[in-house]
């Protein structure tokens, strides 16, 4: 479960996480997926790339 907002800037990022996860599991590059989703800030990109499911 990803946090709803970015720690640094407060942008809502949870709405894009399911698509990000699905596309990266299908072999797409995380950089390309984040660019397509419009996640351009480094702080928000960090939230996606460094996320680890613990459940």
PDB file of N, CA and C in Angstrom:
ATOM      1  N   UNK A   1       0.848  -1.176   0.000  1.00  0.00           N
ATOM      2  CA  UNK A   1       0.000   0.000   0.000  1.00  0.00           C
ATOM      3  C   UNK A   1       0.891   1.236   0.000  1.00  0.00           C
ATOM      4  N   UNK A   2       0.751   2.033  -1.006  1.00  0.00           N
ATOM      5  CA  UNK A   2       1.516   3.262  -1.148  1.00  0.00           C
ATOM      6  C   UNK A   2       0.831   4.375  -0.370  1.00  0.00           C
ATOM      7  N   UNK A   3       1.613   5.281   0.155  1.00  0.00           N
ATOM      8  CA  UNK A   3       1.045   6.443   0.833  1.00  0.00           C
ATOM      9  C   UNK A   3       0.249   7.282  -0.160  1.00  0.00           C
ATOM     10  N   UNK A   4      -0.697   8.020   0.336  1.00  0.00           N
ATOM     11  CA  UNK A   4      -1.580   8.803  -0.520  1.00  0.00           C
ATOM     12  C   UNK A   4      -0.852   9.997  -1.125  1.00  0.00           C
ATOM     13  N   UNK A   5      -0.027  10.653  -0.330  1.00  0.00           N
ATOM     14  CA  UNK A   5       0.665  11.863  -0.793  1.00  0.00           C
ATOM     15  C   UNK A   5       2.177  11.713  -0.696  1.00  0.00           C
ATOM     16  N   UNK A   6       2.866  12.487  -1.516  1.00  0.00           N
ATOM     17  CA  UNK A   6       4.320  12.543  -1.484  1.00  0.00           C
ATOM     18  C   UNK A   6       4.758  13.200  -0.174  1.00  0.00           C
ATOM     19  N   UNK A   7       5.813  12.671   0.431  1.00  0.00           N
ATOM     20  CA  UNK A   7       6.327  13.238   1.680  1.00  0.00           C
ATOM     21  C   UNK A   7       6.752  14.697   1.521  1.00  0.00           C
ATOM     22  N   UNK A   8       7.417  15.000   0.426  1.00  0.00           N
ATOM     23  CA  UNK A   8       8.038  16.316   0.271  1.00  0.00           C
ATOM     24  C   UNK A   8       7.091  17.401  -0.216  1.00  0.00           C
ATOM     25  N   UNK A   9       6.384  17.137  -1.307  1.00  0.00           N
ATOM     26  CA  UNK A   9       5.592  18.205  -1.928  1.00  0.00           C
ATOM     27  C   UNK A   9       4.099  18.113  -1.644  1.00  0.00           C
ATOM     28  N   UNK A  10       3.612  16.959  -1.210  1.00  0.00           N
ATOM     29  CA  UNK A  10       2.203  16.814  -0.881  1.00  0.00           C
ATOM     30  C   UNK A  10       1.296  16.461  -2.044  1.00  0.00           C
ATOM     31  N   UNK A  11       1.874  16.186  -3.217  1.00  0.00           N
ATOM     32  CA  UNK A  11       1.065  15.824  -4.385  1.00  0.00           C
ATOM     33  C   UNK A  11       0.428  14.457  -4.165  1.00  0.00           C
ATOM     34  N   UNK A  12      -0.825  14.302  -4.599  1.00  0.00           N
ATOM     35  CA  UNK A  12      -1.517  13.020  -4.493  1.00  0.00           C
ATOM     36  C   UNK A  12      -0.916  12.074  -5.532  1.00  0.00           C
ATOM     37  N   UNK A  13      -0.351  10.954  -5.061  1.00  0.00           N
ATOM     38  CA  UNK A  13       0.315  10.027  -5.980  1.00  0.00           C
ATOM     39  C   UNK A  13      -0.307   8.636  -5.982  1.00  0.00           C
ATOM     40  N   UNK A  14      -1.160   8.336  -5.032  1.00  0.00           N
ATOM     41  CA  UNK A  14      -1.690   6.978  -4.918  1.00  0.00           C
ATOM     42  C   UNK A  14      -2.583   6.597  -6.096  1.00  0.00           C
ATOM     43  N   UNK A  15      -3.179   7.557  -6.773  1.00  0.00           N
ATOM     44  CA  UNK A  15      -4.072   7.263  -7.891  1.00  0.00           C
ATOM     45  C   UNK A  15      -3.333   6.634  -9.072  1.00  0.00           C
ATOM     46  N   UNK A  16      -2.048   6.884  -9.200  1.00  0.00           N
ATOM     47  CA  UNK A  16      -1.266   6.373 -10.327  1.00  0.00           C
ATOM     48  C   UNK A  16      -0.499   5.103 -10.002  1.00  0.00           C
ATOM     49  N   UNK A  17      -0.507   4.671  -8.753  1.00  0.00           N
ATOM     50  CA  UNK A  17       0.358   3.561  -8.360  1.00  0.00           C
ATOM     51  C   UNK A  17      -0.047   2.231  -8.985  1.00  0.00           C
ATOM     52  N   UNK A  18      -1.343   1.940  -9.081  1.00  0.00           N
ATOM     53  CA  UNK A  18      -1.772   0.665  -9.651  1.00  0.00           C
ATOM     54  C   UNK A  18      -1.306   0.512 -11.096  1.00  0.00           C
ATOM     55  N   UNK A  19      -1.455   1.559 -11.889  1.00  0.00           N
ATOM     56  CA  UNK A  19      -1.005   1.508 -13.282  1.00  0.00           C
ATOM     57  C   UNK A  19       0.511   1.386 -13.353  1.00  0.00           C
ATOM     58  N   UNK A  20       1.220   2.111 -12.486  1.00  0.00           N
ATOM     59  CA  UNK A  20       2.681   2.015 -12.454  1.00  0.00           C
ATOM     60  C   UNK A  20       3.123   0.584 -12.148  1.00  0.00           C
ATOM     61  N   UNK A  21       2.516  -0.009 -11.142  1.00  0.00           N
ATOM     62  CA  UNK A  21       2.889  -1.367 -10.733  1.00  0.00           C
ATOM     63  C   UNK A  21       2.614  -2.367 -11.849  1.00  0.00           C
ATOM     64  N   UNK A  22       1.453  -2.271 -12.461  1.00  0.00           N
ATOM     65  CA  UNK A  22       1.071  -3.190 -13.532  1.00  0.00           C
ATOM     66  C   UNK A  22       2.018  -3.087 -14.728  1.00  0.00           C
ATOM     67  N   UNK A  23       2.308  -1.867 -15.134  1.00  0.00           N
ATOM     68  CA  UNK A  23       3.141  -1.675 -16.317  1.00  0.00           C
ATOM     69  C   UNK A  23       4.592  -2.076 -16.075  1.00  0.00           C
ATOM     70  N   UNK A  24       5.121  -1.818 -14.887  1.00  0.00           N
ATOM     71  CA  UNK A  24       6.500  -2.217 -14.613  1.00  0.00           C
ATOM     72  C   UNK A  24       6.618  -3.732 -14.464  1.00  0.00           C
ATOM     73  N   UNK A  25       5.581  -4.392 -13.947  1.00  0.00           N
ATOM     74  CA  UNK A  25       5.603  -5.857 -13.866  1.00  0.00           C
ATOM     75  C   UNK A  25       5.541  -6.487 -15.248  1.00  0.00           C
ATOM     76  N   UNK A  26       4.991  -5.777 -16.232  1.00  0.00           N
ATOM     77  CA  UNK A  26       4.931  -6.267 -17.610  1.00  0.00           C
ATOM     78  C   UNK A  26       6.195  -5.956 -18.394  1.00  0.00           C
ATOM     79  N   UNK A  27       7.202  -5.387 -17.740  1.00  0.00           N
ATOM     80  CA  UNK A  27       8.496  -5.202 -18.377  1.00  0.00           C
ATOM     81  C   UNK A  27       8.827  -3.807 -18.861  1.00  0.00           C
ATOM     82  N   UNK A  28       7.950  -2.855 -18.661  1.00  0.00           N
ATOM     83  CA  UNK A  28       8.263  -1.490 -19.090  1.00  0.00           C
ATOM     84  C   UNK A  28       9.243  -0.839 -18.127  1.00  0.00           C
ATOM     85  N   UNK A  29       9.992   0.100 -18.626  1.00  0.00           N
ATOM     86  CA  UNK A  29      10.956   0.834 -17.815  1.00  0.00           C
ATOM     87  C   UNK A  29      10.221   1.760 -16.842  1.00  0.00           C
ATOM     88  N   UNK A  30      10.617   1.752 -15.558  1.00  0.00           N
ATOM     89  CA  UNK A  30       9.974   2.664 -14.597  1.00  0.00           C
ATOM     90  C   UNK A  30      10.067   4.127 -15.013  1.00  0.00           C
ATOM     91  N   UNK A  31      11.177   4.518 -15.620  1.00  0.00           N
ATOM     92  CA  UNK A  31      11.320   5.912 -16.067  1.00  0.00           C
ATOM     93  C   UNK A  31      10.277   6.275 -17.113  1.00  0.00           C
ATOM     94  N   UNK A  32      10.069   5.392 -18.078  1.00  0.00           N
ATOM     95  CA  UNK A  32       9.093   5.657 -19.134  1.00  0.00           C
ATOM     96  C   UNK A  32       7.673   5.698 -18.584  1.00  0.00           C
ATOM     97  N   UNK A  33       7.362   4.794 -17.668  1.00  0.00           N
ATOM     98  CA  UNK A  33       6.018   4.757 -17.081  1.00  0.00           C
ATOM     99  C   UNK A  33       5.741   6.027 -16.294  1.00  0.00           C
ATOM    100  N   UNK A  34       6.694   6.461 -15.479  1.00  0.00           N
ATOM    101  CA  UNK A  34       6.497   7.678 -14.691  1.00  0.00           C
ATOM    102  C   UNK A  34       6.352   8.906 -15.583  1.00  0.00           C
ATOM    103  N   UNK A  35       7.115   8.945 -16.673  1.00  0.00           N
ATOM    104  CA  UNK A  35       6.976  10.050 -17.620  1.00  0.00           C
ATOM    105  C   UNK A  35       5.579  10.059 -18.238  1.00  0.00           C
ATOM    106  N   UNK A  36       5.083   8.879 -18.636  1.00  0.00           N
ATOM    107  CA  UNK A  36       3.745   8.790 -19.232  1.00  0.00           C
ATOM    108  C   UNK A  36       2.648   9.180 -18.243  1.00  0.00           C
ATOM    109  N   UNK A  37       2.845   8.862 -16.971  1.00  0.00           N
ATOM    110  CA  UNK A  37       1.849   9.189 -15.950  1.00  0.00           C
ATOM    111  C   UNK A  37       1.911  10.648 -15.508  1.00  0.00           C
ATOM    112  N   UNK A  38       2.936  11.373 -15.933  1.00  0.00           N
ATOM    113  CA  UNK A  38       3.057  12.785 -15.575  1.00  0.00           C
ATOM    114  C   UNK A  38       3.702  13.018 -14.226  1.00  0.00           C
ATOM    115  N   UNK A  39       4.401  12.016 -13.701  1.00  0.00           N
ATOM    116  CA  UNK A  39       5.110  12.160 -12.432  1.00  0.00           C
ATOM    117  C   UNK A  39       6.513  12.673 -12.770  1.00  0.00           C
ATOM    118  N   UNK A  40       6.719  13.986 -12.638  1.00  0.00           N
ATOM    119  CA  UNK A  40       7.964  14.582 -13.094  1.00  0.00           C
ATOM    120  C   UNK A  40       8.889  15.028 -11.962  1.00  0.00           C
ATOM    121  N   UNK A  41       8.339  15.278 -10.797  1.00  0.00           N
ATOM    122  CA  UNK A  41       9.172  15.738  -9.683  1.00  0.00           C
ATOM    123  C   UNK A  41       9.978  14.576  -9.107  1.00  0.00           C
ATOM    124  N   UNK A  42      11.223  14.848  -8.754  1.00  0.00           N
ATOM    125  CA  UNK A  42      12.094  13.803  -8.219  1.00  0.00           C
ATOM    126  C   UNK A  42      11.573  13.241  -6.906  1.00  0.00           C
ATOM    127  N   UNK A  43      10.967  14.069  -6.095  1.00  0.00           N
ATOM    128  CA  UNK A  43      10.473  13.580  -4.806  1.00  0.00           C
ATOM    129  C   UNK A  43       9.328  12.584  -5.007  1.00  0.00           C
ATOM    130  N   UNK A  44       8.464  12.831  -5.967  1.00  0.00           N
ATOM    131  CA  UNK A  44       7.355  11.918  -6.229  1.00  0.00           C
ATOM    132  C   UNK A  44       7.846  10.637  -6.888  1.00  0.00           C
ATOM    133  N   UNK A  45       8.801  10.759  -7.795  1.00  0.00           N
ATOM    134  CA  UNK A  45       9.361   9.581  -8.459  1.00  0.00           C
ATOM    135  C   UNK A  45      10.027   8.664  -7.441  1.00  0.00           C
ATOM    136  N   UNK A  46      10.663   9.265  -6.460  1.00  0.00           N
ATOM    137  CA  UNK A  46      11.315   8.498  -5.395  1.00  0.00           C
ATOM    138  C   UNK A  46      10.300   7.647  -4.649  1.00  0.00           C
ATOM    139  N   UNK A  47       9.106   8.191  -4.417  1.00  0.00           N
ATOM    140  CA  UNK A  47       8.063   7.468  -3.692  1.00  0.00           C
ATOM    141  C   UNK A  47       7.650   6.202  -4.444  1.00  0.00           C
ATOM    142  N   UNK A  48       7.591   6.263  -5.765  1.00  0.00           N
ATOM    143  CA  UNK A  48       7.215   5.100  -6.560  1.00  0.00           C
ATOM    144  C   UNK A  48       8.349   4.078  -6.625  1.00  0.00           C
ATOM    145  N   UNK A  49       9.533   4.543  -6.934  1.00  0.00           N
ATOM    146  CA  UNK A  49      10.647   3.632  -7.178  1.00  0.00           C
ATOM    147  C   UNK A  49      11.130   2.945  -5.905  1.00  0.00           C
ATOM    148  N   UNK A  50      11.077   3.624  -4.794  1.00  0.00           N
ATOM    149  CA  UNK A  50      11.593   3.047  -3.556  1.00  0.00           C
ATOM    150  C   UNK A  50      10.547   2.297  -2.731  1.00  0.00           C
ATOM    151  N   UNK A  51       9.309   2.233  -3.224  1.00  0.00           N
ATOM    152  CA  UNK A  51       8.226   1.582  -2.481  1.00  0.00           C
ATOM    153  C   UNK A  51       8.432   0.067  -2.413  1.00  0.00           C
ATOM    154  N   UNK A  52       8.223  -0.516  -1.222  1.00  0.00           N
ATOM    155  CA  UNK A  52       8.298  -1.966  -1.015  1.00  0.00           C
ATOM    156  C   UNK A  52       7.012  -2.405  -0.317  1.00  0.00           C
ATOM    157  N   UNK A  53       6.339  -3.394  -0.899  1.00  0.00           N
ATOM    158  CA  UNK A  53       5.125  -3.927  -0.258  1.00  0.00           C
ATOM    159  C   UNK A  53       5.519  -4.745   0.968  1.00  0.00           C
ATOM    160  N   UNK A  54       4.914  -4.444   2.094  1.00  0.00           N
ATOM    161  CA  UNK A  54       5.227  -5.171   3.322  1.00  0.00           C
ATOM    162  C   UNK A  54       4.062  -6.040   3.790  1.00  0.00           C
ATOM    163  N   UNK A  55       2.946  -6.006   3.098  1.00  0.00           N
ATOM    164  CA  UNK A  55       1.797  -6.806   3.494  1.00  0.00           C
ATOM    165  C   UNK A  55       1.832  -8.124   2.838  1.00  0.00           C
TER     166      UNK A  55
END
